[in-house]
Amino acid sequence: MSAYQPVDPFLRLTVGVPIYTDDGQKIGTVKEIRGRSFKVQTGLLQRDYWLSADCLDSATAGEPAILRVAKDELDRFKEDEAPEAAA
């Protein structure tokens, strides 16, 4: 008797995929993955930033990653540095 266990979308996230907010706005691409966080590479006039895996709603091979956050709420979740990995 086995129950269906959904796969953590963060485990499917790969460097280079586009990232969209849940309201359909492209915010950049995945530049780096470290621990349970990923770095968003933005456009020329914006700084790159880190987001926690908790912000990710879906990621599938060959498809853009979708956040569970709307673009106008994104600033609350941005980090300048990757969080330290738990020891």
PDB file of N, CA and C in Angstrom:
ATOM      1  N   MET A   1       0.841  -1.180   0.000  1.00  0.00           N
ATOM      2  CA  MET A   1       0.000   0.000   0.000  1.00  0.00           C
ATOM      3  C   MET A   1       0.889   1.247   0.000  1.00  0.00           C
ATOM      4  N   SER A   2       1.061   1.860  -1.148  1.00  0.00           N
ATOM      5  CA  SER A   2       1.915   3.044  -1.216  1.00  0.00           C
ATOM      6  C   SER A   2       1.087   4.255  -1.621  1.00  0.00           C
ATOM      7  N   ALA A   3       1.344   5.343  -0.936  1.00  0.00           N
ATOM      8  CA  ALA A   3       0.666   6.601  -1.238  1.00  0.00           C
ATOM      9  C   ALA A   3       1.509   7.379  -2.245  1.00  0.00           C
ATOM     10  N   TYR A   4       0.863   8.116  -3.110  1.00  0.00           N
ATOM     11  CA  TYR A   4       1.561   8.948  -4.081  1.00  0.00           C
ATOM     12  C   TYR A   4       2.289  10.068  -3.352  1.00  0.00           C
ATOM     13  N   GLN A   5       3.577  10.183  -3.592  1.00  0.00           N
ATOM     14  CA  GLN A   5       4.394  11.245  -3.012  1.00  0.00           C
ATOM     15  C   GLN A   5       4.806  12.200  -4.134  1.00  0.00           C
ATOM     16  N   PRO A   6       4.293  13.434  -4.158  1.00  0.00           N
ATOM     17  CA  PRO A   6       4.693  14.354  -5.216  1.00  0.00           C
ATOM     18  C   PRO A   6       6.182  14.683  -5.107  1.00  0.00           C
ATOM     19  N   VAL A   7       6.822  14.851  -6.241  1.00  0.00           N
ATOM     20  CA  VAL A   7       8.243  15.181  -6.282  1.00  0.00           C
ATOM     21  C   VAL A   7       8.417  16.673  -6.021  1.00  0.00           C
ATOM     22  N   ASP A   8       9.369  16.994  -5.176  1.00  0.00           N
ATOM     23  CA  ASP A   8       9.703  18.387  -4.881  1.00  0.00           C
ATOM     24  C   ASP A   8      10.127  19.068  -6.184  1.00  0.00           C
ATOM     25  N   PRO A   9       9.441  20.139  -6.618  1.00  0.00           N
ATOM     26  CA  PRO A   9       9.810  20.777  -7.888  1.00  0.00           C
ATOM     27  C   PRO A   9      11.239  21.311  -7.884  1.00  0.00           C
ATOM     28  N   PHE A  10      11.767  21.643  -6.709  1.00  0.00           N
ATOM     29  CA  PHE A  10      13.137  22.158  -6.634  1.00  0.00           C
ATOM     30  C   PHE A  10      14.143  21.128  -7.148  1.00  0.00           C
ATOM     31  N   LEU A  11      13.836  19.849  -6.982  1.00  0.00           N
ATOM     32  CA  LEU A  11      14.734  18.795  -7.442  1.00  0.00           C
ATOM     33  C   LEU A  11      14.822  18.739  -8.967  1.00  0.00           C
ATOM     34  N   ARG A  12      13.863  19.326  -9.659  1.00  0.00           N
ATOM     35  CA  ARG A  12      13.843  19.344 -11.129  1.00  0.00           C
ATOM     36  C   ARG A  12      14.374  20.644 -11.715  1.00  0.00           C
ATOM     37  N   LEU A  13      14.702  21.605 -10.864  1.00  0.00           N
ATOM     38  CA  LEU A  13      15.179  22.905 -11.323  1.00  0.00           C
ATOM     39  C   LEU A  13      16.590  22.775 -11.880  1.00  0.00           C
ATOM     40  N   THR A  14      16.843  23.376 -13.038  1.00  0.00           N
ATOM     41  CA  THR A  14      18.173  23.318 -13.640  1.00  0.00           C
ATOM     42  C   THR A  14      18.636  24.713 -14.051  1.00  0.00           C
ATOM     43  N   VAL A  15      19.941  24.891 -14.061  1.00  0.00           N
ATOM     44  CA  VAL A  15      20.542  26.162 -14.464  1.00  0.00           C
ATOM     45  C   VAL A  15      20.178  26.445 -15.917  1.00  0.00           C
ATOM     46  N   GLY A  16      19.817  27.692 -16.192  1.00  0.00           N
ATOM     47  CA  GLY A  16      19.527  28.123 -17.554  1.00  0.00           C
ATOM     48  C   GLY A  16      18.055  28.191 -17.919  1.00  0.00           C
ATOM     49  N   VAL A  17      17.176  27.605 -17.092  1.00  0.00           N
ATOM     50  CA  VAL A  17      15.750  27.649 -17.451  1.00  0.00           C
ATOM     51  C   VAL A  17      15.156  29.018 -17.123  1.00  0.00           C
ATOM     52  N   PRO A  18      14.204  29.485 -17.931  1.00  0.00           N
ATOM     53  CA  PRO A  18      13.522  30.740 -17.634  1.00  0.00           C
ATOM     54  C   PRO A  18      12.643  30.597 -16.390  1.00  0.00           C
ATOM     55  N   ILE A  19      12.449  31.708 -15.691  1.00  0.00           N
ATOM     56  CA  ILE A  19      11.619  31.720 -14.486  1.00  0.00           C
ATOM     57  C   ILE A  19      10.488  32.725 -14.678  1.00  0.00           C
ATOM     58  N   TYR A  20       9.266  32.268 -14.376  1.00  0.00           N
ATOM     59  CA  TYR A  20       8.081  33.113 -14.467  1.00  0.00           C
ATOM     60  C   TYR A  20       7.393  33.183 -13.110  1.00  0.00           C
ATOM     61  N   THR A  21       6.772  34.328 -12.832  1.00  0.00           N
ATOM     62  CA  THR A  21       5.951  34.456 -11.630  1.00  0.00           C
ATOM     63  C   THR A  21       4.611  33.780 -11.883  1.00  0.00           C
ATOM     64  N   ASP A  22       3.821  33.617 -10.832  1.00  0.00           N
ATOM     65  CA  ASP A  22       2.532  32.925 -11.024  1.00  0.00           C
ATOM     66  C   ASP A  22       1.522  33.759 -11.796  1.00  0.00           C
ATOM     67  N   ASP A  23       1.834  35.045 -12.020  1.00  0.00           N
ATOM     68  CA  ASP A  23       0.955  35.869 -12.854  1.00  0.00           C
ATOM     69  C   ASP A  23       1.512  36.036 -14.277  1.00  0.00           C
ATOM     70  N   GLY A  24       2.467  35.150 -14.656  1.00  0.00           N
ATOM     71  CA  GLY A  24       2.923  35.079 -16.045  1.00  0.00           C
ATOM     72  C   GLY A  24       4.014  36.043 -16.459  1.00  0.00           C
ATOM     73  N   GLN A  25       4.679  36.698 -15.502  1.00  0.00           N
ATOM     74  CA  GLN A  25       5.739  37.647 -15.832  1.00  0.00           C
ATOM     75  C   GLN A  25       7.099  36.965 -15.797  1.00  0.00           C
ATOM     76  N   LYS A  26       7.878  37.067 -16.880  1.00  0.00           N
ATOM     77  CA  LYS A  26       9.221  36.495 -16.886  1.00  0.00           C
ATOM     78  C   LYS A  26      10.135  37.397 -16.063  1.00  0.00           C
ATOM     79  N   ILE A  27      10.860  36.800 -15.097  1.00  0.00           N
ATOM     80  CA  ILE A  27      11.736  37.595 -14.244  1.00  0.00           C
ATOM     81  C   ILE A  27      13.210  37.327 -14.502  1.00  0.00           C
ATOM     82  N   GLY A  28      13.534  36.292 -15.267  1.00  0.00           N
ATOM     83  CA  GLY A  28      14.931  35.990 -15.557  1.00  0.00           C
ATOM     84  C   GLY A  28      15.134  34.509 -15.793  1.00  0.00           C
ATOM     85  N   THR A  29      16.379  34.055 -15.549  1.00  0.00           N
ATOM     86  CA  THR A  29      16.712  32.642 -15.696  1.00  0.00           C
ATOM     87  C   THR A  29      17.474  32.178 -14.453  1.00  0.00           C
ATOM     88  N   VAL A  30      17.505  30.868 -14.265  1.00  0.00           N
ATOM     89  CA  VAL A  30      18.254  30.297 -13.146  1.00  0.00           C
ATOM     90  C   VAL A  30      19.738  30.384 -13.476  1.00  0.00           C
ATOM     91  N   LYS A  31      20.486  31.092 -12.638  1.00  0.00           N
ATOM     92  CA  LYS A  31      21.920  31.278 -12.852  1.00  0.00           C
ATOM     93  C   LYS A  31      22.740  30.284 -12.036  1.00  0.00           C
ATOM     94  N   GLU A  32      22.263  29.962 -10.827  1.00  0.00           N
ATOM     95  CA  GLU A  32      23.018  29.105  -9.923  1.00  0.00           C
ATOM     96  C   GLU A  32      22.056  28.470  -8.936  1.00  0.00           C
ATOM     97  N   ILE A  33      22.407  27.279  -8.471  1.00  0.00           N
ATOM     98  CA  ILE A  33      21.620  26.594  -7.449  1.00  0.00           C
ATOM     99  C   ILE A  33      22.577  26.255  -6.314  1.00  0.00           C
ATOM    100  N   ARG A  34      22.181  26.622  -5.094  1.00  0.00           N
ATOM    101  CA  ARG A  34      23.023  26.354  -3.930  1.00  0.00           C
ATOM    102  C   ARG A  34      22.129  26.004  -2.743  1.00  0.00           C
ATOM    103  N   GLY A  35      22.355  24.833  -2.165  1.00  0.00           N
ATOM    104  CA  GLY A  35      21.521  24.400  -1.046  1.00  0.00           C
ATOM    105  C   GLY A  35      20.072  24.313  -1.485  1.00  0.00           C
ATOM    106  N   ARG A  36      19.193  25.007  -0.775  1.00  0.00           N
ATOM    107  CA  ARG A  36      17.768  25.048  -1.122  1.00  0.00           C
ATOM    108  C   ARG A  36      17.380  26.421  -1.658  1.00  0.00           C
ATOM    109  N   SER A  37      18.315  27.055  -2.380  1.00  0.00           N
ATOM    110  CA  SER A  37      18.081  28.376  -2.970  1.00  0.00           C
ATOM    111  C   SER A  37      18.576  28.397  -4.406  1.00  0.00           C
ATOM    112  N   PHE A  38      18.076  29.355  -5.172  1.00  0.00           N
ATOM    113  CA  PHE A  38      18.539  29.521  -6.544  1.00  0.00           C
ATOM    114  C   PHE A  38      18.694  30.999  -6.856  1.00  0.00           C
ATOM    115  N   LYS A  39      19.690  31.295  -7.696  1.00  0.00           N
ATOM    116  CA  LYS A  39      19.977  32.674  -8.078  1.00  0.00           C
ATOM    117  C   LYS A  39      19.270  32.992  -9.381  1.00  0.00           C
ATOM    118  N   VAL A  40      18.582  34.123  -9.407  1.00  0.00           N
ATOM    119  CA  VAL A  40      17.873  34.591 -10.595  1.00  0.00           C
ATOM    120  C   VAL A  40      18.759  35.585 -11.327  1.00  0.00           C
ATOM    121  N   GLN A  41      19.080  35.263 -12.575  1.00  0.00           N
ATOM    122  CA  GLN A  41      19.819  36.188 -13.425  1.00  0.00           C
ATOM    123  C   GLN A  41      18.799  37.065 -14.130  1.00  0.00           C
ATOM    124  N   THR A  42      18.922  38.380 -13.918  1.00  0.00           N
ATOM    125  CA  THR A  42      17.935  39.325 -14.445  1.00  0.00           C
ATOM    126  C   THR A  42      18.486  40.042 -15.670  1.00  0.00           C
ATOM    127  N   GLY A  43      17.791  41.070 -16.089  1.00  0.00           N
ATOM    128  CA  GLY A  43      18.213  41.859 -17.250  1.00  0.00           C
ATOM    129  C   GLY A  43      19.419  42.730 -16.946  1.00  0.00           C
ATOM    130  N   LEU A  44      19.877  43.448 -17.931  1.00  0.00           N
ATOM    131  CA  LEU A  44      21.094  44.243 -17.841  1.00  0.00           C
ATOM    132  C   LEU A  44      21.080  45.307 -16.747  1.00  0.00           C
ATOM    133  N   LEU A  45      19.955  45.937 -16.506  1.00  0.00           N
ATOM    134  CA  LEU A  45      19.907  47.052 -15.567  1.00  0.00           C
ATOM    135  C   LEU A  45      19.443  46.658 -14.169  1.00  0.00           C
ATOM    136  N   GLN A  46      19.315  45.376 -13.897  1.00  0.00           N
ATOM    137  CA  GLN A  46      18.850  44.915 -12.593  1.00  0.00           C
ATOM    138  C   GLN A  46      19.881  43.992 -11.966  1.00  0.00           C
ATOM    139  N   ARG A  47      19.884  43.958 -10.628  1.00  0.00           N
ATOM    140  CA  ARG A  47      20.800  43.074  -9.915  1.00  0.00           C
ATOM    141  C   ARG A  47      20.228  41.667  -9.831  1.00  0.00           C
ATOM    142  N   ASP A  48      21.116  40.677  -9.930  1.00  0.00           N
ATOM    143  CA  ASP A  48      20.703  39.293  -9.707  1.00  0.00           C
ATOM    144  C   ASP A  48      20.363  39.133  -8.227  1.00  0.00           C
ATOM    145  N   TYR A  49      19.553  38.151  -7.894  1.00  0.00           N
ATOM    146  CA  TYR A  49      19.167  37.919  -6.499  1.00  0.00           C
ATOM    147  C   TYR A  49      18.848  36.453  -6.293  1.00  0.00           C
ATOM    148  N   TRP A  50      18.757  36.071  -5.022  1.00  0.00           N
ATOM    149  CA  TRP A  50      18.473  34.688  -4.628  1.00  0.00           C
ATOM    150  C   TRP A  50      17.032  34.551  -4.168  1.00  0.00           C
ATOM    151  N   LEU A  51      16.456  33.386  -4.433  1.00  0.00           N
ATOM    152  CA  LEU A  51      15.132  33.026  -3.927  1.00  0.00           C
ATOM    153  C   LEU A  51      15.224  31.651  -3.270  1.00  0.00           C
ATOM    154  N   SER A  52      14.392  31.442  -2.283  1.00  0.00           N
ATOM    155  CA  SER A  52      14.324  30.155  -1.604  1.00  0.00           C
ATOM    156  C   SER A  52      13.539  29.159  -2.449  1.00  0.00           C
ATOM    157  N   ALA A  53      13.841  27.882  -2.266  1.00  0.00           N
ATOM    158  CA  ALA A  53      13.100  26.818  -2.939  1.00  0.00           C
ATOM    159  C   ALA A  53      11.614  26.884  -2.610  1.00  0.00           C
ATOM    160  N   ASP A  54      11.257  27.454  -1.464  1.00  0.00           N
ATOM    161  CA  ASP A  54       9.853  27.566  -1.064  1.00  0.00           C
ATOM    162  C   ASP A  54       9.043  28.449  -2.006  1.00  0.00           C
ATOM    163  N   CYS A  55       9.712  29.307  -2.774  1.00  0.00           N
ATOM    164  CA  CYS A  55       9.019  30.187  -3.726  1.00  0.00           C
ATOM    165  C   CYS A  55       8.625  29.457  -5.008  1.00  0.00           C
ATOM    166  N   LEU A  56       9.201  28.293  -5.230  1.00  0.00           N
ATOM    167  CA  LEU A  56       9.002  27.565  -6.483  1.00  0.00           C
ATOM    168  C   LEU A  56       7.716  26.748  -6.448  1.00  0.00           C
ATOM    169  N   ASP A  57       6.885  26.914  -7.477  1.00  0.00           N
ATOM    170  CA  ASP A  57       5.643  26.145  -7.576  1.00  0.00           C
ATOM    171  C   ASP A  57       5.828  24.920  -8.453  1.00  0.00           C
ATOM    172  N   SER A  58       6.495  25.088  -9.615  1.00  0.00           N
ATOM    173  CA  SER A  58       6.683  23.944 -10.506  1.00  0.00           C
ATOM    174  C   SER A  58       7.952  24.092 -11.334  1.00  0.00           C
ATOM    175  N   ALA A  59       8.534  22.955 -11.642  1.00  0.00           N
ATOM    176  CA  ALA A  59       9.693  22.886 -12.534  1.00  0.00           C
ATOM    177  C   ALA A  59       9.651  21.523 -13.213  1.00  0.00           C
ATOM    178  N   THR A  60       9.724  21.532 -14.529  1.00  0.00           N
ATOM    179  CA  THR A  60       9.692  20.315 -15.327  1.00  0.00           C
ATOM    180  C   THR A  60      10.778  20.429 -16.389  1.00  0.00           C
ATOM    181  N   ALA A  61      11.472  19.344 -16.656  1.00  0.00           N
ATOM    182  CA  ALA A  61      12.545  19.354 -17.652  1.00  0.00           C
ATOM    183  C   ALA A  61      12.043  19.931 -18.970  1.00  0.00           C
ATOM    184  N   GLY A  62      12.791  20.879 -19.513  1.00  0.00           N
ATOM    185  CA  GLY A  62      12.451  21.470 -20.796  1.00  0.00           C
ATOM    186  C   GLY A  62      11.380  22.544 -20.751  1.00  0.00           C
ATOM    187  N   GLU A  63      10.885  22.868 -19.563  1.00  0.00           N
ATOM    188  CA  GLU A  63       9.830  23.874 -19.406  1.00  0.00           C
ATOM    189  C   GLU A  63      10.306  24.990 -18.477  1.00  0.00           C
ATOM    190  N   PRO A  64       9.735  26.199 -18.584  1.00  0.00           N
ATOM    191  CA  PRO A  64      10.081  27.262 -17.650  1.00  0.00           C
ATOM    192  C   PRO A  64       9.682  26.892 -16.215  1.00  0.00           C
ATOM    193  N   ALA A  65      10.413  27.421 -15.257  1.00  0.00           N
ATOM    194  CA  ALA A  65      10.064  27.252 -13.845  1.00  0.00           C
ATOM    195  C   ALA A  65       9.025  28.308 -13.481  1.00  0.00           C
ATOM    196  N   ILE A  66       8.057  27.914 -12.661  1.00  0.00           N
ATOM    197  CA  ILE A  66       6.985  28.821 -12.254  1.00  0.00           C
ATOM    198  C   ILE A  66       7.050  29.021 -10.744  1.00  0.00           C
ATOM    199  N   LEU A  67       7.016  30.286 -10.322  1.00  0.00           N
ATOM    200  CA  LEU A  67       7.011  30.598  -8.905  1.00  0.00           C
ATOM    201  C   LEU A  67       5.585  30.590  -8.361  1.00  0.00           C
ATOM    202  N   ARG A  68       5.440  30.499  -7.055  1.00  0.00           N
ATOM    203  CA  ARG A  68       4.129  30.611  -6.421  1.00  0.00           C
ATOM    204  C   ARG A  68       3.896  32.028  -5.911  1.00  0.00           C
ATOM    205  N   VAL A  69       4.651  32.984  -6.475  1.00  0.00           N
ATOM    206  CA  VAL A  69       4.629  34.381  -6.046  1.00  0.00           C
ATOM    207  C   VAL A  69       4.321  35.257  -7.257  1.00  0.00           C
ATOM    208  N   ALA A  70       3.487  36.273  -7.068  1.00  0.00           N
ATOM    209  CA  ALA A  70       3.208  37.241  -8.133  1.00  0.00           C
ATOM    210  C   ALA A  70       4.349  38.249  -8.210  1.00  0.00           C
ATOM    211  N   LYS A  71       4.533  38.862  -9.374  1.00  0.00           N
ATOM    212  CA  LYS A  71       5.653  39.790  -9.564  1.00  0.00           C
ATOM    213  C   LYS A  71       5.615  40.938  -8.557  1.00  0.00           C
ATOM    214  N   ASP A  72       4.441  41.467  -8.245  1.00  0.00           N
ATOM    215  CA  ASP A  72       4.376  42.592  -7.315  1.00  0.00           C
ATOM    216  C   ASP A  72       4.651  42.200  -5.858  1.00  0.00           C
ATOM    217  N   GLU A  73       4.748  40.907  -5.564  1.00  0.00           N
ATOM    218  CA  GLU A  73       5.079  40.440  -4.208  1.00  0.00           C
ATOM    219  C   GLU A  73       6.525  39.960  -4.108  1.00  0.00           C
ATOM    220  N   LEU A  74       7.231  39.923  -5.221  1.00  0.00           N
ATOM    221  CA  LEU A  74       8.548  39.301  -5.298  1.00  0.00           C
ATOM    222  C   LEU A  74       9.599  39.943  -4.389  1.00  0.00           C
ATOM    223  N   ASP A  75       9.560  41.258  -4.230  1.00  0.00           N
ATOM    224  CA  ASP A  75      10.575  41.943  -3.417  1.00  0.00           C
ATOM    225  C   ASP A  75      10.640  41.414  -1.986  1.00  0.00           C
ATOM    226  N   ARG A  76       9.548  40.913  -1.461  1.00  0.00           N
ATOM    227  CA  ARG A  76       9.535  40.377  -0.092  1.00  0.00           C
ATOM    228  C   ARG A  76      10.366  39.117   0.043  1.00  0.00           C
ATOM    229  N   PHE A  77      10.651  38.426  -1.056  1.00  0.00           N
ATOM    230  CA  PHE A  77      11.324  37.136  -1.015  1.00  0.00           C
ATOM    231  C   PHE A  77      12.775  37.178  -1.505  1.00  0.00           C
ATOM    232  N   LYS A  78      13.190  38.301  -2.076  1.00  0.00           N
ATOM    233  CA  LYS A  78      14.535  38.420  -2.633  1.00  0.00           C
ATOM    234  C   LYS A  78      15.594  38.462  -1.537  1.00  0.00           C
ATOM    235  N   GLU A  79      16.728  37.797  -1.808  1.00  0.00           N
ATOM    236  CA  GLU A  79      17.897  37.820  -0.924  1.00  0.00           C
ATOM    237  C   GLU A  79      19.101  38.206  -1.769  1.00  0.00           C
ATOM    238  N   ASP A  80      19.996  39.027  -1.216  1.00  0.00           N
ATOM    239  CA  ASP A  80      21.208  39.412  -1.948  1.00  0.00           C
ATOM    240  C   ASP A  80      22.247  38.294  -1.961  1.00  0.00           C
ATOM    241  N   GLU A  81      22.255  37.477  -0.907  1.00  0.00           N
ATOM    242  CA  GLU A  81      23.231  36.399  -0.782  1.00  0.00           C
ATOM    243  C   GLU A  81      22.485  35.088  -0.589  1.00  0.00           C
ATOM    244  N   ALA A  82      23.127  33.994  -0.976  1.00  0.00           N
ATOM    245  CA  ALA A  82      22.536  32.666  -0.754  1.00  0.00           C
ATOM    246  C   ALA A  82      22.563  32.382   0.743  1.00  0.00           C
ATOM    247  N   PRO A  83      21.490  31.851   1.286  1.00  0.00           N
ATOM    248  CA  PRO A  83      21.500  31.474   2.699  1.00  0.00           C
ATOM    249  C   PRO A  83      22.581  30.416   2.947  1.00  0.00           C
ATOM    250  N   GLU A  84      23.146  30.453   4.151  1.00  0.00           N
ATOM    251  CA  GLU A  84      24.157  29.457   4.513  1.00  0.00           C
ATOM    252  C   GLU A  84      23.518  28.080   4.575  1.00  0.00           C
ATOM    253  N   ALA A  85      24.229  27.084   4.101  1.00  0.00           N
ATOM    254  CA  ALA A  85      23.741  25.708   4.176  1.00  0.00           C
ATOM    255  C   ALA A  85      23.754  25.246   5.625  1.00  0.00           C
ATOM    256  N   ALA A  86      22.770  24.482   6.004  1.00  0.00           N
ATOM    257  CA  ALA A  86      22.713  23.979   7.371  1.00  0.00           C
ATOM    258  C   ALA A  86      23.859  22.999   7.603  1.00  0.00           C
ATOM    259  N   ALA A  87      24.482  23.109   8.758  1.00  0.00           N
ATOM    260  CA  ALA A  87      25.618  22.227   9.067  1.00  0.00           C
ATOM    261  C   ALA A  87      25.148  20.867   9.531  1.00  0.00           C
TER     262      ALA A  87
END
